[in-house]
Amino acid sequence: MKRKLIGLAMSVAMVISLAGCGSSQNTGASADTSANGKATDTKTETAATEDTSAGISTDDAQTLTVWCWDSFNVDAMKKAGEIYEADHPGVSIEVQETVSSDIQTLVQTYAMSGELDALPDIFLMDDQVFAKYLQNYPDVFADLTDSDIPFDAFAASKVANSVRDGKNYGVPYDSNTVIACYRTDYLEQAGYTIDDLTDITWDEFITIGTDVLAKTGMPMLTNVQGEPDLLNMILQSAGISVFDENGNISLVGNEGFKEAMNVYMDLIKAGVLQEQTDWSGYQGSINNGAVVGTINGSWICATIMSTDQTEQEGNWAVTNMPKLNDYAGATNYSAQGGSTWAVASTCDNYDLAVDFFKTTWAGSTEFYDSILKDLGAIATYLPAADSDAYNETSAYFGGEAIYSKIVSYGGQIPTINKGIYWSEEKEALGTALTNVLNGSADLDSAIADAEATVKFNIGQ
């Protein structure tokens, strides 16, 4: 019987942290990206209570317990449970809302204490930290390689987040496919259409963006100041990693990385990219019509459609992102954010968990249709692109079947080595961008400082 209390576990985790043991990070603001992709301050999320977060009784052999964060993810998993339970009498999928950073802390705590039985059967992990926890705490994760779950039915770049030594340890969840969204009415004022921004390079984008800015006064893109998310999207679209094959940070002498940095600087200098002070400002610039568009994970559609300004409906369009000019291997496709389901190694009902995933998350376009319609959850499950729901047109996005397009984009994203030190990399790159833009460092010295910072922080 699993009766561990989250309060006790968190206290143990704090002691471990203060003692300087382990290599886990406090992901805090970077934890919640699957529902809306933005960095969410976990202090504002509802922490699970002592009675529900740290596991429930599993005396019933037909019960699967699940941890995941945010009502968006909770509702999606509950829907999967309803579908499965309807055809499997006696089975219960019990979903407990648990903050993303708490899941990471609990995984670390139970792994280091050897009390893995306190974990649930299934838990959700942020794609950006999955590889780190898999490497540091491999005993936590069940090997799904021979489970007959059809991993090839998901976008390869998404699956790669939960693969280690050629083995699969996770089932992909939400789409993190990058899309470019633009206001077609603004483009029309400047004499352009969405086709002019499809399958183009960043140099072509800057040329068009400069012209649009001159004619409309509107910058093409918006981004949060000091956040390297767009930079990372550019890198993955070109198949560029900032880590070498041994997992070491590799910025100095990385010509692809330097070229991507230069593109970001050119966007700022041309006035084509407008930086906001925080996420609220980012959302506001979109909803208030202060920019032509944005490039982000496909979850950004929810932000775009959340505006109460009715004139925006029908005046948005979706296409792919620009590619890194003439860089070898560059594409117009990338990823940002997202999360993946893991099965605990101590799951007493491994076969039941596998069958549950094969029936729902990895086997049912009807399931994905339902969570798309009810929750706006977009799949990374490739067969969903052919379903009726994914091919329905969106009045908000000019009467186009954008969801089928997004899934098709997902299958073309380059797979790169993301390493296990995502948060350290992100912080260092954000600082490098800020220092170059404010004139306190030139590009080469900022890159060198960023590499040195990451090496110091990860002990290399």
Protein backbone atom coordinates (compact mmCIF):
# COMPACT_ATOMS: atom_id res chain seq x y z
CA MET A 1 0.00 0.00 0.00
CA LYS A 2 1.40 3.35 -1.03
CA ARG A 3 0.90 5.77 1.86
CA LYS A 4 3.84 8.14 1.51
CA LEU A 5 2.89 11.74 2.23
CA ILE A 6 4.04 14.52 -0.01
CA GLY A 7 4.87 16.70 2.98
CA LEU A 8 7.34 14.14 4.29
CA ALA A 9 8.82 13.59 0.85
CA MET A 10 9.28 17.28 0.26
CA SER A 11 10.98 17.66 3.64
CA VAL A 12 13.36 14.84 2.76
CA ALA A 13 14.04 16.47 -0.59
CA MET A 14 14.89 19.77 1.10
CA VAL A 15 17.35 18.01 3.41
CA ILE A 16 18.94 16.28 0.43
CA SER A 17 19.21 19.57 -1.42
CA LEU A 18 20.74 21.38 1.56
CA ALA A 19 23.24 18.58 1.97
CA GLY A 20 24.38 19.15 -1.61
CA CYS A 21 23.62 15.62 -2.73
CA GLY A 22 22.23 14.54 -6.07
CA SER A 23 22.21 16.31 -9.40
CA SER A 24 18.57 17.22 -9.77
CA GLN A 25 17.62 20.79 -10.51
CA ASN A 26 14.82 22.95 -9.26
CA THR A 27 13.13 23.55 -12.57
CA GLY A 28 10.57 25.82 -11.00
CA ALA A 29 9.47 28.21 -13.73
CA SER A 30 10.43 25.91 -16.57
CA ALA A 31 8.37 22.97 -15.49
CA ASP A 32 4.94 23.51 -17.00
CA THR A 33 5.16 23.56 -20.75
CA SER A 34 2.82 20.94 -22.03
CA ALA A 35 -0.43 22.80 -21.67
CA ASN A 36 0.62 26.20 -22.82
CA GLY A 37 4.34 25.97 -23.39
CA LYS A 38 5.23 28.98 -21.28
CA ALA A 39 7.37 28.87 -18.21
CA THR A 40 4.85 28.75 -15.39
CA ASP A 41 5.75 29.79 -11.87
CA THR A 42 4.91 26.65 -9.94
CA LYS A 43 4.08 28.75 -6.89
CA THR A 44 0.84 29.65 -8.63
CA GLU A 45 -0.06 26.06 -9.36
CA THR A 46 -2.22 24.08 -6.95
CA ALA A 47 0.00 21.68 -5.07
CA ALA A 48 -1.47 18.28 -4.42
CA THR A 49 -2.72 17.55 -0.94
CA GLU A 50 -1.18 15.05 1.43
CA ASP A 51 -4.08 12.68 0.92
CA THR A 52 -3.75 12.45 -2.87
CA SER A 53 -0.31 13.41 -4.15
CA ALA A 54 2.06 10.79 -2.90
CA GLY A 55 0.21 7.71 -3.99
CA ILE A 56 -3.02 5.98 -3.09
CA SER A 57 -3.79 2.44 -2.10
CA THR A 58 -3.03 -0.02 -4.88
CA ASP A 59 -4.49 -3.05 -3.13
CA ASP A 60 -6.82 -3.27 -6.12
CA ALA A 61 -4.77 -5.02 -8.81
CA GLN A 62 -6.80 -3.29 -11.51
CA THR A 63 -5.98 0.27 -10.48
CA LEU A 64 -3.47 2.53 -12.22
CA THR A 65 -2.46 5.70 -10.39
CA VAL A 66 -1.28 8.70 -12.40
CA TRP A 67 0.50 11.94 -11.47
CA CYS A 68 0.32 14.94 -13.79
CA TRP A 69 0.07 18.70 -13.46
CA ASP A 70 -2.40 21.33 -14.63
CA SER A 71 -6.12 20.77 -15.21
CA PHE A 72 -5.40 20.58 -18.96
CA ASN A 73 -3.29 17.44 -18.55
CA VAL A 74 -5.44 16.03 -15.75
CA ASP A 75 -8.58 16.30 -17.87
CA ALA A 76 -6.86 14.69 -20.88
CA MET A 77 -5.70 11.73 -18.80
CA LYS A 78 -9.12 11.41 -17.16
CA LYS A 79 -10.66 11.25 -20.63
CA ALA A 80 -8.25 8.46 -21.59
CA GLY A 81 -9.24 6.70 -18.39
CA GLU A 82 -12.96 7.00 -19.13
CA ILE A 83 -12.49 5.51 -22.60
CA TYR A 84 -10.41 2.61 -21.29
CA GLU A 85 -12.62 1.91 -18.28
CA ALA A 86 -15.71 1.74 -20.46
CA ASP A 87 -14.35 -1.34 -22.24
CA HIS A 88 -12.49 -2.79 -19.24
CA PRO A 89 -14.87 -3.28 -16.30
CA GLY A 90 -13.10 -3.34 -12.96
CA VAL A 91 -10.20 -1.18 -14.12
CA SER A 92 -9.73 2.22 -12.50
CA ILE A 93 -7.44 5.01 -13.76
CA GLU A 94 -6.98 7.34 -10.80
CA VAL A 95 -5.49 10.73 -11.73
CA GLN A 96 -3.95 12.99 -9.09
CA GLU A 97 -2.94 16.56 -9.88
CA THR A 98 0.68 17.02 -8.84
CA VAL A 99 2.80 20.06 -9.67
CA SER A 100 5.49 19.37 -12.28
CA SER A 101 8.37 20.46 -10.06
CA ASP A 102 6.94 18.30 -7.25
CA ILE A 103 6.96 15.26 -9.52
CA GLN A 104 10.62 15.90 -10.26
CA THR A 105 11.43 16.38 -6.57
CA LEU A 106 9.56 13.22 -5.58
CA VAL A 107 11.22 11.15 -8.29
CA GLN A 108 14.60 12.31 -7.02
CA THR A 109 13.70 11.79 -3.38
CA TYR A 110 12.28 8.29 -3.74
CA ALA A 111 15.07 7.22 -6.10
CA MET A 112 17.77 8.36 -3.69
CA SER A 113 16.03 6.83 -0.67
CA GLY A 114 15.35 3.56 -2.47
CA GLU A 115 11.62 3.84 -1.77
CA LEU A 116 10.42 3.52 -5.34
CA ASP A 117 7.21 1.81 -4.24
CA ALA A 118 5.98 5.26 -3.20
CA LEU A 119 5.80 6.32 -6.85
CA PRO A 120 2.55 6.11 -8.85
CA ASP A 121 2.18 3.69 -11.74
CA ILE A 122 2.33 6.45 -14.37
CA PHE A 123 3.66 10.01 -14.21
CA LEU A 124 4.14 12.92 -16.60
CA MET A 125 7.59 14.43 -17.17
CA ASP A 126 8.59 17.64 -18.92
CA ASP A 127 10.35 16.78 -22.19
CA GLN A 128 13.18 19.15 -21.37
CA VAL A 129 14.15 17.25 -18.20
CA PHE A 130 13.12 13.68 -19.07
CA ALA A 131 16.59 12.72 -20.32
CA LYS A 132 18.25 14.15 -17.21
CA TYR A 133 16.09 12.19 -14.81
CA LEU A 134 16.36 9.07 -16.94
CA GLN A 135 20.15 9.24 -16.81
CA ASN A 136 20.40 10.16 -13.12
CA TYR A 137 17.68 7.80 -11.86
CA PRO A 138 17.35 4.95 -14.40
CA ASP A 139 15.84 2.59 -11.80
CA VAL A 140 12.72 4.76 -11.71
CA PHE A 141 11.62 4.15 -15.31
CA ALA A 142 10.14 0.99 -16.79
CA ASP A 143 11.66 -0.14 -20.08
CA LEU A 144 8.92 0.03 -22.73
CA THR A 145 11.04 -1.04 -25.68
CA ASP A 146 9.47 -4.49 -26.13
CA SER A 147 5.96 -3.44 -25.12
CA ASP A 148 4.66 -3.30 -28.71
CA ILE A 149 3.71 0.35 -28.17
CA PRO A 150 4.04 1.78 -31.73
CA PHE A 151 6.67 4.44 -31.12
CA ASP A 152 7.08 4.92 -34.86
CA ALA A 153 3.53 6.30 -34.92
CA PHE A 154 4.78 9.42 -33.12
CA ALA A 155 7.02 12.23 -34.35
CA ALA A 156 10.60 10.91 -34.12
CA SER A 157 11.92 14.10 -32.53
CA LYS A 158 9.32 13.76 -29.76
CA VAL A 159 10.10 10.09 -29.09
CA ALA A 160 13.81 10.91 -28.83
CA ASN A 161 13.23 12.84 -25.59
CA SER A 162 12.62 9.57 -23.72
CA VAL A 163 15.12 7.25 -25.42
CA ARG A 164 18.36 6.13 -23.75
CA ASP A 165 20.86 3.67 -25.19
CA GLY A 166 18.38 2.79 -27.91
CA LYS A 167 15.60 1.87 -25.47
CA ASN A 168 12.22 3.55 -25.00
CA TYR A 169 11.12 4.79 -21.59
CA GLY A 170 8.22 7.12 -22.39
CA VAL A 171 5.00 7.56 -24.35
CA PRO A 172 4.75 10.98 -26.09
CA TYR A 173 1.88 13.21 -25.07
CA ASP A 174 1.21 16.68 -26.46
CA SER A 175 2.47 18.28 -29.60
CA ASN A 176 5.44 20.60 -29.22
CA THR A 177 5.60 21.24 -32.97
CA VAL A 178 6.62 24.80 -33.79
CA ILE A 179 4.32 26.89 -35.96
CA ALA A 180 4.47 30.42 -37.30
CA CYS A 181 1.21 32.34 -36.81
CA TYR A 182 0.58 35.65 -38.60
CA ARG A 183 -2.19 38.21 -38.92
CA THR A 184 -3.27 38.02 -42.56
CA ASP A 185 -4.97 41.43 -42.40
CA TYR A 186 -1.68 43.08 -41.43
CA LEU A 187 0.17 41.19 -44.15
CA GLU A 188 -2.41 42.27 -46.72
CA GLN A 189 -1.90 45.92 -45.77
CA ALA A 190 1.76 45.50 -46.70
CA GLY A 191 1.03 43.57 -49.89
CA TYR A 192 1.86 40.05 -48.67
CA THR A 193 0.04 36.75 -48.14
CA ILE A 194 0.77 33.73 -45.96
CA ASP A 195 2.29 32.01 -48.99
CA ASP A 196 5.04 34.64 -49.03
CA LEU A 197 6.07 33.48 -45.55
CA THR A 198 5.96 29.74 -46.25
CA ASP A 199 9.12 27.69 -46.85
CA ILE A 200 11.38 30.73 -46.61
CA THR A 201 14.76 31.50 -45.02
CA TRP A 202 15.44 33.86 -42.13
CA ASP A 203 17.13 36.33 -44.48
CA GLU A 204 13.97 36.40 -46.61
CA PHE A 205 11.88 36.75 -43.48
CA ILE A 206 13.87 39.77 -42.30
CA THR A 207 13.50 41.41 -45.72
CA ILE A 208 9.73 40.92 -45.67
CA GLY A 209 9.49 41.88 -42.01
CA THR A 210 11.37 45.12 -42.57
CA ASP A 211 8.97 46.05 -45.36
CA VAL A 212 5.90 45.13 -43.27
CA LEU A 213 7.22 47.22 -40.37
CA ALA A 214 7.73 50.22 -42.64
CA LYS A 215 4.24 49.97 -44.13
CA THR A 216 2.20 49.04 -41.04
CA GLY A 217 4.31 50.02 -38.05
CA MET A 218 3.97 46.48 -36.75
CA PRO A 219 6.93 44.22 -35.86
CA MET A 220 6.59 40.71 -37.23
CA LEU A 221 7.39 38.77 -34.04
CA THR A 222 7.29 38.98 -30.26
CA ASN A 223 9.44 37.22 -27.67
CA VAL A 224 10.21 37.41 -23.94
CA GLN A 225 13.40 39.36 -23.23
CA GLY A 226 16.30 37.19 -22.13
CA GLU A 227 14.52 33.96 -23.05
CA PRO A 228 16.39 31.87 -25.67
CA ASP A 229 13.34 29.84 -26.72
CA LEU A 230 13.28 31.22 -30.27
CA LEU A 231 17.05 30.70 -30.52
CA ASN A 232 16.63 27.06 -29.49
CA MET A 233 13.86 26.63 -32.07
CA ILE A 234 16.17 27.96 -34.78
CA LEU A 235 18.90 25.56 -33.66
CA GLN A 236 16.73 22.44 -33.71
CA SER A 237 15.20 23.36 -37.06
CA ALA A 238 18.71 23.18 -38.52
CA GLY A 239 19.67 20.02 -36.64
CA ILE A 240 22.18 21.92 -34.49
CA SER A 241 22.93 20.74 -30.95
CA VAL A 242 24.81 22.75 -28.33
CA PHE A 243 26.04 19.47 -26.80
CA ASP A 244 28.56 17.05 -28.28
CA GLU A 245 28.11 13.29 -28.51
CA ASN A 246 29.46 12.91 -24.97
CA GLY A 247 26.96 15.35 -23.52
CA ASN A 248 29.48 18.17 -23.08
CA ILE A 249 28.44 21.75 -23.80
CA SER A 250 29.74 22.85 -27.20
CA LEU A 251 29.28 26.55 -27.97
CA VAL A 252 32.74 27.87 -28.80
CA GLY A 253 33.59 26.95 -32.39
CA ASN A 254 30.03 25.82 -33.07
CA GLU A 255 29.45 27.70 -36.32
CA GLY A 256 25.79 26.73 -36.61
CA PHE A 257 25.11 28.07 -33.12
CA LYS A 258 26.91 31.32 -33.91
CA GLU A 259 24.92 31.74 -37.13
CA ALA A 260 21.66 31.23 -35.22
CA MET A 261 22.78 33.84 -32.67
CA ASN A 262 23.47 36.26 -35.50
CA VAL A 263 19.98 35.72 -36.93
CA TYR A 264 18.45 36.60 -33.58
CA MET A 265 20.56 39.76 -33.37
CA ASP A 266 19.58 40.73 -36.92
CA LEU A 267 15.89 40.34 -36.05
CA ILE A 268 16.29 42.72 -33.12
CA LYS A 269 18.40 45.24 -35.03
CA ALA A 270 15.90 45.36 -37.89
CA GLY A 271 13.03 45.95 -35.47
CA VAL A 272 11.34 42.83 -36.82
CA LEU A 273 11.40 41.11 -33.41
CA GLN A 274 9.99 43.01 -30.43
CA GLU A 275 11.06 41.78 -27.00
CA GLN A 276 8.65 41.89 -24.04
CA THR A 277 9.64 42.09 -20.37
CA ASP A 278 7.66 39.00 -19.34
CA TRP A 279 5.19 36.35 -20.45
CA SER A 280 2.23 38.58 -19.70
CA GLY A 281 3.64 41.19 -22.05
CA TYR A 282 4.24 38.51 -24.66
CA GLN A 283 0.63 37.34 -24.54
CA GLY A 284 -0.62 40.92 -24.47
CA SER A 285 1.30 41.90 -27.59
CA ILE A 286 -0.46 39.09 -29.46
CA ASN A 287 -3.94 39.59 -28.07
CA ASN A 288 -3.82 43.39 -28.33
CA GLY A 289 -2.81 43.31 -31.98
CA ALA A 290 0.55 44.97 -31.36
CA VAL A 291 2.51 42.52 -33.54
CA VAL A 292 1.93 40.68 -36.80
CA GLY A 293 2.56 37.26 -35.31
CA THR A 294 4.63 34.84 -33.30
CA ILE A 295 6.64 31.64 -33.69
CA ASN A 296 6.20 29.08 -30.93
CA GLY A 297 4.95 25.61 -30.04
CA SER A 298 1.53 24.74 -31.43
CA TRP A 299 0.01 25.25 -27.98
CA ILE A 300 0.27 28.99 -28.73
CA CYS A 301 -3.00 28.61 -30.68
CA ALA A 302 -4.85 28.71 -27.35
CA THR A 303 -3.29 32.09 -26.53
CA ILE A 304 -4.13 33.49 -29.95
CA MET A 305 -7.75 32.39 -29.72
CA SER A 306 -8.13 33.66 -26.14
CA THR A 307 -8.40 37.31 -27.18
CA ASP A 308 -11.74 39.06 -26.75
CA GLN A 309 -11.09 41.25 -29.79
CA THR A 310 -13.49 39.83 -32.35
CA GLU A 311 -11.79 41.48 -35.31
CA GLN A 312 -8.96 38.95 -34.98
CA GLU A 313 -11.18 35.97 -35.75
CA GLY A 314 -10.56 34.78 -39.28
CA ASN A 315 -7.48 36.99 -39.62
CA TRP A 316 -4.87 34.47 -38.47
CA ALA A 317 -3.01 31.88 -40.53
CA VAL A 318 -0.54 29.10 -39.72
CA THR A 319 2.57 28.13 -41.65
CA ASN A 320 6.04 26.75 -40.98
CA MET A 321 8.95 28.73 -39.53
CA PRO A 322 11.83 30.20 -41.56
CA LYS A 323 14.92 28.02 -41.95
CA LEU A 324 18.52 28.89 -41.17
CA ASN A 325 19.41 30.28 -44.60
CA ASP A 326 21.93 28.11 -46.45
CA TYR A 327 23.06 26.08 -43.45
CA ALA A 328 23.44 22.41 -44.44
CA GLY A 329 20.53 20.37 -43.11
CA ALA A 330 18.39 23.39 -42.26
CA THR A 331 14.62 22.82 -42.32
CA ASN A 332 11.47 24.84 -41.63
CA TYR A 333 10.43 22.63 -38.70
CA SER A 334 11.22 22.59 -34.99
CA ALA A 335 9.87 21.83 -31.51
CA GLN A 336 9.29 23.77 -28.29
CA GLY A 337 7.99 22.56 -24.92
CA GLY A 338 5.92 19.44 -24.37
CA SER A 339 5.82 16.44 -22.05
CA THR A 340 5.89 12.64 -22.03
CA TRP A 341 4.29 9.87 -19.96
CA ALA A 342 6.49 7.46 -18.02
CA VAL A 343 5.63 4.14 -16.39
CA ALA A 344 7.31 3.55 -13.03
CA SER A 345 9.60 0.51 -12.79
CA THR A 346 7.68 -0.53 -9.67
CA CYS A 347 4.31 -0.51 -11.41
CA ASP A 348 2.53 -3.65 -10.20
CA ASN A 349 0.35 -3.61 -13.30
CA TYR A 350 2.92 -3.17 -16.05
CA ASP A 351 0.91 -5.17 -18.61
CA LEU A 352 -2.24 -3.22 -17.75
CA ALA A 353 -0.37 0.10 -18.10
CA VAL A 354 1.02 -0.95 -21.48
CA ASP A 355 -2.40 -2.06 -22.72
CA PHE A 356 -3.91 1.21 -21.49
CA PHE A 357 -1.41 3.22 -23.55
CA LYS A 358 -1.74 0.99 -26.61
CA THR A 359 -5.51 1.45 -26.47
CA THR A 360 -5.59 5.21 -25.92
CA TRP A 361 -2.52 7.43 -26.18
CA ALA A 362 -0.77 5.17 -28.69
CA GLY A 363 -3.69 3.66 -30.53
CA SER A 364 -6.83 5.74 -30.80
CA THR A 365 -7.45 8.62 -33.16
CA GLU A 366 -10.94 8.82 -31.63
CA PHE A 367 -9.35 9.63 -28.28
CA TYR A 368 -7.22 12.37 -29.81
CA ASP A 369 -10.27 13.73 -31.62
CA SER A 370 -12.10 14.02 -28.30
CA ILE A 371 -9.34 15.87 -26.43
CA LEU A 372 -8.80 18.15 -29.41
CA LYS A 373 -12.48 19.14 -29.46
CA ASP A 374 -12.94 19.34 -25.70
CA LEU A 375 -9.55 20.61 -24.51
CA GLY A 376 -7.70 21.90 -27.55
CA ALA A 377 -4.99 19.28 -26.95
CA ILE A 378 -3.00 18.74 -30.15
CA ALA A 379 -1.43 15.33 -30.77
CA THR A 380 2.05 14.29 -31.72
CA TYR A 381 0.47 10.97 -32.74
CA LEU A 382 0.89 11.00 -36.52
CA PRO A 383 -2.23 8.99 -37.50
CA ALA A 384 -4.36 11.73 -35.94
CA ALA A 385 -3.58 13.94 -38.94
CA ASP A 386 -5.97 11.86 -41.04
CA SER A 387 -8.91 11.94 -38.62
CA ASP A 388 -12.09 13.90 -39.24
CA ALA A 389 -11.56 16.18 -36.24
CA TYR A 390 -8.04 17.13 -37.29
CA ASN A 391 -9.25 17.93 -40.77
CA GLU A 392 -12.04 20.21 -39.61
CA THR A 393 -11.48 23.81 -40.59
CA SER A 394 -10.89 26.56 -38.06
CA ALA A 395 -12.88 29.75 -38.53
CA TYR A 396 -10.38 31.60 -36.35
CA PHE A 397 -7.52 30.61 -38.64
CA GLY A 398 -9.06 31.61 -41.92
CA GLY A 399 -11.08 28.45 -42.50
CA GLU A 400 -8.02 26.20 -42.72
CA ALA A 401 -7.52 22.71 -41.26
CA ILE A 402 -4.61 23.83 -39.12
CA TYR A 403 -4.47 20.79 -36.80
CA SER A 404 -3.81 18.32 -39.59
CA LYS A 405 -1.10 20.67 -40.84
CA ILE A 406 0.51 20.85 -37.38
CA VAL A 407 0.66 17.06 -37.04
CA SER A 408 2.23 16.77 -40.50
CA TYR A 409 4.87 19.34 -39.51
CA GLY A 410 5.72 17.23 -36.47
CA GLY A 411 6.92 14.37 -38.62
CA GLN A 412 9.55 16.61 -40.26
CA ILE A 413 11.30 17.99 -37.16
CA PRO A 414 15.02 17.17 -37.00
CA THR A 415 16.09 15.05 -34.03
CA ILE A 416 19.03 16.49 -32.12
CA ASN A 417 21.06 15.67 -29.03
CA LYS A 418 19.48 17.93 -26.40
CA GLY A 419 21.78 16.76 -23.63
CA ILE A 420 20.61 16.54 -20.03
CA TYR A 421 21.48 20.06 -18.89
CA TRP A 422 18.64 21.93 -20.55
CA SER A 423 17.97 24.41 -17.73
CA GLU A 424 21.65 25.29 -17.39
CA GLU A 425 21.95 25.75 -21.15
CA LYS A 426 18.82 27.87 -21.32
CA GLU A 427 19.93 30.21 -18.54
CA ALA A 428 23.40 30.66 -20.04
CA LEU A 429 22.11 31.35 -23.55
CA GLY A 430 19.58 33.84 -22.21
CA THR A 431 22.37 35.71 -20.45
CA ALA A 432 24.51 35.65 -23.59
CA LEU A 433 21.71 37.16 -25.69
CA THR A 434 21.09 39.88 -23.11
CA ASN A 435 24.76 40.79 -22.81
CA VAL A 436 25.25 41.12 -26.56
CA LEU A 437 22.06 43.12 -27.06
CA ASN A 438 22.82 45.55 -24.23
CA GLY A 439 26.38 46.03 -25.47
CA SER A 440 28.16 44.63 -22.43
CA ALA A 441 29.81 41.87 -24.50
CA ASP A 442 30.58 41.06 -28.11
CA LEU A 443 29.22 37.87 -29.62
CA ASP A 444 32.38 35.77 -29.32
CA SER A 445 33.05 36.67 -25.69
CA ALA A 446 29.39 36.14 -24.78
CA ILE A 447 29.52 32.66 -26.31
CA ALA A 448 32.75 31.85 -24.47
CA ASP A 449 31.29 33.08 -21.18
CA ALA A 450 28.11 31.04 -21.72
CA GLU A 451 30.10 27.86 -22.31
CA ALA A 452 32.26 28.49 -19.24
CA THR A 453 29.16 29.15 -17.12
CA VAL A 454 27.47 25.90 -18.16
CA LYS A 455 30.64 23.90 -17.54
CA PHE A 456 30.99 25.41 -14.08
CA ASN A 457 27.34 24.82 -13.18
CA ILE A 458 27.38 21.16 -14.24
CA GLY A 459 30.85 20.43 -12.90
CA GLN A 460 32.60 19.73 -16.19
